[in-house]
Amino acid sequence: MNFFAILRAETKLVFTDAAIVLTIIGGVIFYSFLYPQPYAKESVSALHVSVVDLDKSDISRNIIYKLNATAQVDVVRRDMSQKDALKALEETKVRAVVIIPRDFKKKLALGMSPTVAVGADSSYFLIYGAVLEGAMRSVITESSKIKVANLLKDNIPVSGAKRAFTPYSLNTINLFNKDNSYTQYVVPAVFILILQQTLLIGLGILGGGVNERTKEPKYEHYKKAKIYQIFLSRFIIFGTIFFIHTLFYFGFSYEFFHITHIANIYNLLSFSTIFILAVISFGIFLGSLFSSREIATAIILFSSLPLVFSAGFVWPLEAMPKYIQYLSLISPSTPAIDGFLKLNQMGADFDMVIGDYLILVLHIIIYIALAYYVVSKKQNQTPPQL
């Protein structure tokens, strides 16, 4: 069979398979809208909080008033004991607990630093951070009045008292994420992983189906085709589809969710092309190993979470064991995420991501060679089996 007949047969095989089409087209589009939704609201507000006021002073009442006035917090309960407040937290009647200790005003007047306890579920970083920010702002604002008043009693000028209480000011400038946005931080990296995993699942289903059902009529062309013809057909079919997906993600999706994209278009297209080719090579190799269609989805989805955490944007690479860093390089998504973030979010020049680019080139060479070896070995078996 000539190459165009193989290409036509492969195209028909891909687009008549509902599972593959649903994954490589429907799944990619669906996740592009679904995943960013939890981060669409950049901050949380009006969180229900319980306050336990053990001091019952005018200072503690002012703290509660200011706490309730912050945008982050809504004081809905004033429990008499810590036990009642924690029970309300466990029953999710409130999202956090603030406890003002006894003798709070007295300790402030004596120049001591009493502790205000804030309890929240720290597994929800947005909620924990919002409650902590609101509580700190309220406590510091109110306690500063007493501390400054004590300094004024010692005949220190008002300006000096203010400087003594706040000896420095902090001016924070966010270089790459100006709004401290979770969308800017998480979504660009996860988009790369979504593209990879959906592409791998599609190729895995195709390869596993060939290995499982090679005797069916729709797989007849595999008996006559050369290995390079099959591989080249898959590169053309899946490469075309996912190049369009990449343009959709980096174009429409980034604009729709207001994600920063400052990469040079030629650098972005060059890096995108090599990334897609590396993932296709990896997918062809994995597909050649799968014994059935169903196993592809389970294995690739199971690997998604470890790949997220080992990519270096959720957890710093310096805090990971070296062997995990090296193992993560097996997946094209690891160098790709690093390269895309540098290009698109940080405005790096292409020579700054050349290391990631070369790793992806190495992926293409290694995985195509391995796939060729596996497929040729299966073709040489008797009876012939792919």
Protein backbone atom coordinates (compact mmCIF):
# COMPACT_ATOMS: atom_id res chain seq x y z
CA MET A 1 0.00 0.00 0.00
CA ASN A 2 1.19 3.51 -0.74
CA PHE A 3 1.52 6.12 1.98
CA PHE A 4 -1.65 8.06 1.10
CA ALA A 5 -3.73 4.88 1.39
CA ILE A 6 -2.24 4.30 4.85
CA LEU A 7 -2.90 7.92 5.82
CA ARG A 8 -6.50 7.64 4.66
CA ALA A 9 -7.02 4.39 6.56
CA GLU A 10 -5.48 5.83 9.75
CA THR A 11 -7.58 8.99 9.49
CA LYS A 12 -10.73 6.93 9.11
CA LEU A 13 -9.71 4.75 12.05
CA VAL A 14 -9.18 7.80 14.29
CA PHE A 15 -12.32 9.74 13.37
CA THR A 16 -14.67 6.75 13.47
CA ASP A 17 -13.58 5.88 17.00
CA ALA A 18 -15.89 7.72 19.41
CA ALA A 19 -13.53 7.32 22.38
CA ILE A 20 -10.61 8.88 20.52
CA VAL A 21 -12.65 11.75 19.06
CA LEU A 22 -14.25 12.49 22.43
CA THR A 23 -10.81 12.62 24.04
CA ILE A 24 -8.67 14.50 21.53
CA ILE A 25 -11.33 17.01 20.47
CA GLY A 26 -14.18 17.11 22.98
CA GLY A 27 -11.95 16.63 26.02
CA VAL A 28 -9.47 19.33 25.05
CA ILE A 29 -12.19 21.92 24.42
CA PHE A 30 -14.17 20.92 27.50
CA TYR A 31 -11.18 21.19 29.86
CA SER A 32 -10.14 24.54 28.40
CA PHE A 33 -13.31 26.04 29.90
CA LEU A 34 -13.80 23.74 32.89
CA TYR A 35 -10.40 23.84 34.55
CA PRO A 36 -9.98 27.63 34.97
CA GLN A 37 -13.44 28.06 36.52
CA PRO A 38 -12.40 27.45 40.17
CA TYR A 39 -9.82 30.23 39.76
CA ALA A 40 -12.10 32.67 37.92
CA LYS A 41 -12.79 34.55 41.16
CA GLU A 42 -9.32 35.58 42.25
CA SER A 43 -10.19 36.17 45.92
CA VAL A 44 -12.71 35.00 48.47
CA SER A 45 -14.93 37.26 50.55
CA ALA A 46 -17.63 37.22 53.23
CA LEU A 47 -16.36 34.02 54.82
CA HIS A 48 -18.44 32.95 57.81
CA VAL A 49 -16.35 33.18 60.97
CA SER A 50 -16.93 32.50 64.65
CA VAL A 51 -15.26 34.76 67.23
CA VAL A 52 -14.58 33.69 70.82
CA ASP A 53 -14.03 36.86 72.89
CA LEU A 54 -12.48 35.79 76.20
CA ASP A 55 -11.26 39.32 77.01
CA LYS A 56 -14.60 41.16 76.73
CA SER A 57 -12.92 44.56 76.67
CA ASP A 58 -13.52 47.62 74.51
CA ILE A 59 -10.38 46.70 72.56
CA SER A 60 -11.64 43.19 71.79
CA ARG A 61 -15.05 44.57 70.78
CA ASN A 62 -13.36 47.02 68.40
CA ILE A 63 -11.31 44.17 66.90
CA ILE A 64 -14.48 42.17 66.26
CA TYR A 65 -16.13 45.24 64.72
CA LYS A 66 -13.15 45.85 62.40
CA LEU A 67 -12.91 42.15 61.60
CA ASN A 68 -16.55 42.11 60.53
CA ALA A 69 -15.94 45.23 58.44
CA THR A 70 -13.21 43.60 56.31
CA ALA A 71 -14.17 42.31 52.88
CA GLN A 72 -12.82 38.84 53.61
CA VAL A 73 -14.75 38.05 56.79
CA ASP A 74 -18.36 37.99 57.98
CA VAL A 75 -18.68 37.36 61.74
CA VAL A 76 -21.81 35.21 62.03
CA ARG A 77 -21.23 33.66 65.48
CA ARG A 78 -19.87 34.81 68.84
CA ASP A 79 -19.34 31.62 70.79
CA MET A 80 -18.76 31.55 74.53
CA SER A 81 -16.08 28.87 74.41
CA GLN A 82 -13.44 27.49 72.11
CA LYS A 83 -15.17 24.11 72.19
CA ASP A 84 -18.41 25.54 70.75
CA ALA A 85 -16.52 27.41 68.03
CA LEU A 86 -14.53 24.35 66.97
CA LYS A 87 -17.73 22.30 66.85
CA ALA A 88 -19.25 24.90 64.51
CA LEU A 89 -16.11 24.68 62.37
CA GLU A 90 -16.32 20.88 62.21
CA GLU A 91 -19.97 21.11 61.19
CA THR A 92 -19.01 23.65 58.47
CA LYS A 93 -21.31 26.28 59.96
CA VAL A 94 -18.29 28.58 59.84
CA ARG A 95 -15.10 28.48 57.77
CA ALA A 96 -12.76 29.75 60.50
CA VAL A 97 -12.47 30.57 64.21
CA VAL A 98 -10.83 33.64 65.78
CA ILE A 99 -10.06 33.50 69.52
CA ILE A 100 -9.20 36.65 71.49
CA PRO A 101 -7.46 35.56 74.74
CA ARG A 102 -8.13 36.76 78.27
CA ASP A 103 -6.21 39.84 79.45
CA PHE A 104 -5.65 40.88 75.84
CA LYS A 105 -6.06 44.59 76.63
CA LYS A 106 -4.01 44.33 79.83
CA LYS A 107 -1.06 42.71 78.07
CA LEU A 108 -1.14 45.34 75.34
CA ALA A 109 -1.10 48.11 77.96
CA LEU A 110 1.92 46.49 79.61
CA GLY A 111 3.78 46.45 76.28
CA MET A 112 3.47 42.69 75.88
CA SER A 113 2.45 40.87 72.68
CA PRO A 114 -0.65 38.72 73.30
CA THR A 115 -1.58 36.03 70.80
CA VAL A 116 -4.82 36.01 68.85
CA ALA A 117 -5.55 32.47 67.62
CA VAL A 118 -6.91 31.96 64.11
CA GLY A 119 -8.09 28.49 63.10
CA ALA A 120 -9.09 27.49 59.57
CA ASP A 121 -8.72 24.58 57.19
CA SER A 122 -5.28 25.27 55.70
CA SER A 123 -5.88 22.77 52.88
CA TYR A 124 -7.95 25.54 51.28
CA PHE A 125 -5.23 28.12 50.76
CA LEU A 126 -7.55 30.87 49.52
CA ILE A 127 -9.83 30.57 52.57
CA TYR A 128 -6.98 30.26 55.05
CA GLY A 129 -5.14 33.22 53.55
CA ALA A 130 -8.24 35.42 53.43
CA VAL A 131 -9.18 34.82 57.09
CA LEU A 132 -5.58 35.28 58.23
CA GLU A 133 -5.26 38.55 56.31
CA GLY A 134 -8.52 39.93 57.71
CA ALA A 135 -7.66 38.96 61.29
CA MET A 136 -4.13 40.36 61.12
CA ARG A 137 -5.32 43.64 59.67
CA SER A 138 -7.95 44.07 62.39
CA VAL A 139 -5.73 43.09 65.32
CA ILE A 140 -2.71 45.12 64.20
CA THR A 141 -4.82 48.22 63.53
CA GLU A 142 -6.43 48.14 66.97
CA SER A 143 -3.37 47.12 68.98
CA SER A 144 -1.28 49.81 67.33
CA LYS A 145 -3.42 52.48 69.02
CA ILE A 146 -2.36 51.34 72.50
CA LYS A 147 1.30 50.90 71.55
CA VAL A 148 1.50 54.33 69.95
CA ALA A 149 -0.34 55.85 72.95
CA ASN A 150 2.24 54.34 75.31
CA LEU A 151 5.03 55.90 73.28
CA LEU A 152 3.31 59.30 73.38
CA LYS A 153 3.21 59.11 77.19
CA ASP A 154 7.01 59.06 77.09
CA ASN A 155 6.96 62.42 75.29
CA ILE A 156 7.88 60.87 71.93
CA PRO A 157 6.48 62.93 69.01
CA VAL A 158 3.64 61.42 67.00
CA SER A 159 5.84 60.96 63.92
CA GLY A 160 8.49 59.23 66.01
CA ALA A 161 5.92 57.01 67.70
CA LYS A 162 4.58 55.92 64.33
CA ARG A 163 8.09 55.16 63.06
CA ALA A 164 8.91 53.25 66.24
CA PHE A 165 5.82 51.11 65.82
CA THR A 166 6.40 50.55 62.09
CA PRO A 167 10.17 50.98 61.61
CA TYR A 168 10.01 49.97 57.96
CA SER A 169 7.51 49.85 55.12
CA LEU A 170 7.23 47.03 52.64
CA ASN A 171 6.65 47.78 48.98
CA THR A 172 6.02 44.51 47.14
CA ILE A 173 6.31 44.43 43.35
CA ASN A 174 5.21 41.21 41.65
CA LEU A 175 7.34 40.82 38.58
CA PHE A 176 5.52 38.10 36.62
CA ASN A 177 2.18 37.80 38.41
CA LYS A 178 1.21 41.38 39.19
CA ASP A 179 -2.22 40.58 40.61
CA ASN A 180 -1.18 37.52 42.68
CA SER A 181 -3.61 35.62 40.47
CA TYR A 182 -4.14 31.89 40.79
CA THR A 183 -5.23 31.88 37.15
CA GLN A 184 -1.87 33.30 36.06
CA TYR A 185 -0.04 30.90 38.33
CA VAL A 186 -1.76 27.54 37.80
CA VAL A 187 -3.71 27.53 34.54
CA PRO A 188 -0.88 28.07 31.98
CA ALA A 189 1.08 25.10 33.32
CA VAL A 190 -1.95 22.81 33.62
CA PHE A 191 -3.02 23.67 30.06
CA ILE A 192 0.24 22.10 28.85
CA LEU A 193 -0.47 18.96 30.86
CA ILE A 194 -4.04 18.78 29.51
CA LEU A 195 -2.73 18.92 25.94
CA GLN A 196 -0.22 16.18 26.67
CA GLN A 197 -2.52 13.83 28.57
CA THR A 198 -5.39 14.02 26.08
CA LEU A 199 -2.98 13.41 23.20
CA LEU A 200 -1.40 10.45 25.00
CA ILE A 201 -4.82 8.95 25.78
CA GLY A 202 -5.88 9.25 22.12
CA LEU A 203 -2.71 7.59 20.88
CA GLY A 204 -2.87 5.02 23.68
CA ILE A 205 -6.42 4.01 22.75
CA LEU A 206 -5.40 3.74 19.10
CA GLY A 207 -2.25 1.71 19.82
CA GLY A 208 -3.96 -0.50 22.40
CA GLY A 209 -6.82 -1.15 19.98
CA VAL A 210 -4.38 -2.29 17.30
CA ASN A 211 -2.67 -4.66 19.73
CA GLU A 212 -6.00 -6.02 20.98
CA ARG A 213 -7.99 -6.32 17.73
CA THR A 214 -5.48 -6.59 14.92
CA LYS A 215 -7.51 -9.29 13.15
CA GLU A 216 -10.57 -7.07 12.66
CA PRO A 217 -11.14 -5.78 9.08
CA LYS A 218 -10.63 -2.11 9.98
CA TYR A 219 -7.06 -2.92 11.05
CA GLU A 220 -6.30 -4.79 7.81
CA HIS A 221 -3.94 -2.09 6.51
CA TYR A 222 -1.47 -2.76 9.35
CA LYS A 223 -0.53 -6.08 7.74
CA LYS A 224 0.58 -4.31 4.54
CA ALA A 225 1.94 -1.03 5.86
CA LYS A 226 5.53 -0.25 6.70
CA ILE A 227 6.19 0.93 10.23
CA TYR A 228 7.43 4.36 9.17
CA GLN A 229 4.22 4.88 7.16
CA ILE A 230 2.08 4.20 10.23
CA PHE A 231 4.18 6.48 12.42
CA LEU A 232 4.24 9.28 9.85
CA SER A 233 0.47 9.05 9.44
CA ARG A 234 -0.04 9.49 13.17
CA PHE A 235 2.35 12.43 13.27
CA ILE A 236 0.34 14.15 10.52
CA ILE A 237 -3.12 13.38 11.94
CA PHE A 238 -2.49 14.06 15.61
CA GLY A 239 0.05 16.80 14.94
CA THR A 240 -2.44 18.77 12.86
CA ILE A 241 -5.22 18.41 15.43
CA PHE A 242 -3.08 19.37 18.40
CA PHE A 243 -1.31 22.21 16.65
CA ILE A 244 -4.77 23.74 16.21
CA HIS A 245 -5.54 22.98 19.89
CA THR A 246 -2.31 24.70 20.92
CA LEU A 247 -3.23 27.82 18.95
CA PHE A 248 -6.68 27.70 20.57
CA TYR A 249 -5.21 27.44 24.08
CA PHE A 250 -2.50 30.07 23.67
CA GLY A 251 -4.77 32.34 21.66
CA PHE A 252 -8.47 32.28 22.50
CA SER A 253 -8.24 30.67 25.96
CA TYR A 254 -5.49 32.98 27.19
CA GLU A 255 -7.43 36.02 26.00
CA PHE A 256 -10.72 34.72 27.40
CA PHE A 257 -9.29 34.16 30.89
CA HIS A 258 -6.96 37.21 30.73
CA ILE A 259 -3.80 35.13 31.06
CA THR A 260 -0.50 36.82 30.32
CA HIS A 261 1.08 35.81 27.01
CA ILE A 262 4.13 37.82 26.03
CA ALA A 263 6.12 35.27 24.03
CA ASN A 264 7.41 36.05 20.56
CA ILE A 265 5.03 34.28 18.17
CA TYR A 266 7.84 32.54 16.27
CA ASN A 267 9.46 31.29 19.49
CA LEU A 268 6.10 30.07 20.74
CA LEU A 269 5.29 28.22 17.51
CA SER A 270 8.77 26.65 17.37
CA PHE A 271 8.57 25.41 20.94
CA SER A 272 4.95 24.26 20.48
CA THR A 273 5.84 22.24 17.41
CA ILE A 274 8.69 20.37 19.08
CA PHE A 275 6.51 19.77 22.18
CA ILE A 276 3.70 18.23 20.07
CA LEU A 277 6.16 16.03 18.17
CA ALA A 278 7.70 14.84 21.45
CA VAL A 279 4.29 13.97 22.94
CA ILE A 280 3.23 12.12 19.77
CA SER A 281 6.46 10.11 19.88
CA PHE A 282 5.83 9.29 23.53
CA GLY A 283 2.20 8.38 22.75
CA ILE A 284 3.15 6.08 19.86
CA PHE A 285 5.61 4.29 22.14
CA LEU A 286 3.09 3.90 24.97
CA GLY A 287 0.41 2.75 22.52
CA SER A 288 2.73 0.04 21.24
CA LEU A 289 3.01 -1.32 24.79
CA PHE A 290 -0.66 -1.28 25.79
CA SER A 291 -2.40 -4.64 25.44
CA SER A 292 -5.90 -3.14 25.30
CA ARG A 293 -7.73 0.12 24.59
CA GLU A 294 -9.12 0.52 28.09
CA ILE A 295 -5.80 0.44 29.90
CA ALA A 296 -4.57 3.63 28.20
CA THR A 297 -7.02 6.00 29.89
CA ALA A 298 -6.50 4.52 33.36
CA ILE A 299 -2.69 4.62 33.28
CA ILE A 300 -2.35 8.07 31.75
CA LEU A 301 -4.96 9.68 34.01
CA PHE A 302 -3.30 8.09 37.05
CA SER A 303 0.00 9.72 36.08
CA SER A 304 -1.47 13.23 35.84
CA LEU A 305 -1.24 14.23 39.50
CA PRO A 306 2.38 13.07 39.98
CA LEU A 307 3.33 14.96 36.82
CA VAL A 308 1.71 18.15 38.14
CA PHE A 309 3.68 18.06 41.38
CA SER A 310 6.97 17.02 39.81
CA ALA A 311 6.90 19.73 37.11
CA GLY A 312 8.29 22.36 39.49
CA PHE A 313 5.56 25.00 39.43
CA VAL A 314 3.43 23.69 42.33
CA TRP A 315 6.32 22.52 44.49
CA PRO A 316 9.88 23.86 44.07
CA LEU A 317 12.30 21.51 42.37
CA GLU A 318 14.92 22.30 45.00
CA ALA A 319 12.70 20.68 47.65
CA MET A 320 12.35 17.43 45.68
CA PRO A 321 14.70 14.45 45.78
CA LYS A 322 17.02 14.32 42.78
CA TYR A 323 15.65 10.98 41.60
CA ILE A 324 12.13 12.48 41.32
CA GLN A 325 13.51 15.37 39.27
CA TYR A 326 15.21 12.95 36.90
CA LEU A 327 12.19 10.62 36.69
CA SER A 328 9.92 13.56 35.84
CA LEU A 329 12.02 14.23 32.73
CA ILE A 330 10.64 11.00 31.23
CA SER A 331 7.49 12.99 30.45
CA PRO A 332 7.66 15.74 27.79
CA SER A 333 5.39 17.91 29.95
CA THR A 334 8.17 18.61 32.48
CA PRO A 335 10.57 20.48 30.15
CA ALA A 336 7.60 21.83 28.18
CA ILE A 337 5.98 23.47 31.21
CA ASP A 338 9.29 25.02 32.21
CA GLY A 339 9.89 26.31 28.69
CA PHE A 340 6.37 27.61 28.05
CA LEU A 341 6.22 29.45 31.39
CA LYS A 342 9.54 31.13 30.70
CA LEU A 343 8.52 32.14 27.18
CA ASN A 344 4.90 33.09 27.72
CA GLN A 345 4.70 34.33 31.31
CA MET A 346 8.23 35.65 31.85
CA GLY A 347 9.15 36.93 28.39
CA ALA A 348 12.34 34.86 28.09
CA ASP A 349 14.33 34.74 24.87
CA PHE A 350 14.48 31.44 23.02
CA ASP A 351 18.11 30.83 23.97
CA MET A 352 16.97 30.76 27.63
CA VAL A 353 14.82 27.68 26.97
CA ILE A 354 17.20 25.90 24.62
CA GLY A 355 17.89 23.27 27.29
CA ASP A 356 14.19 22.37 27.50
CA TYR A 357 13.99 22.40 23.69
CA LEU A 358 16.89 19.92 23.37
CA ILE A 359 15.33 17.60 25.97
CA LEU A 360 12.15 17.49 23.86
CA VAL A 361 14.23 16.72 20.74
CA LEU A 362 15.86 13.89 22.69
CA HIS A 363 12.39 12.60 23.62
CA ILE A 364 11.46 12.41 19.93
CA ILE A 365 14.56 10.42 19.03
CA ILE A 366 14.41 8.01 21.96
CA TYR A 367 10.67 7.29 21.94
CA ILE A 368 10.41 6.82 18.18
CA ALA A 369 13.38 4.43 18.30
CA LEU A 370 11.78 2.48 21.17
CA ALA A 371 8.38 2.42 19.44
CA TYR A 372 9.98 1.18 16.20
CA TYR A 373 11.76 -1.58 18.11
CA VAL A 374 8.58 -2.72 19.91
CA VAL A 375 6.35 -2.66 16.80
CA SER A 376 8.93 -4.40 14.59
CA LYS A 377 9.38 -7.11 17.20
CA LYS A 378 5.63 -7.71 17.31
CA GLN A 379 5.43 -7.79 13.52
CA ASN A 380 8.07 -10.52 13.42
CA GLN A 381 6.10 -12.76 15.75
CA THR A 382 4.23 -15.77 14.34
CA PRO A 383 1.35 -15.42 13.75
CA PRO A 384 2.03 -11.74 12.88
CA GLN A 385 0.60 -9.48 15.54
CA LEU A 386 0.89 -5.74 16.14
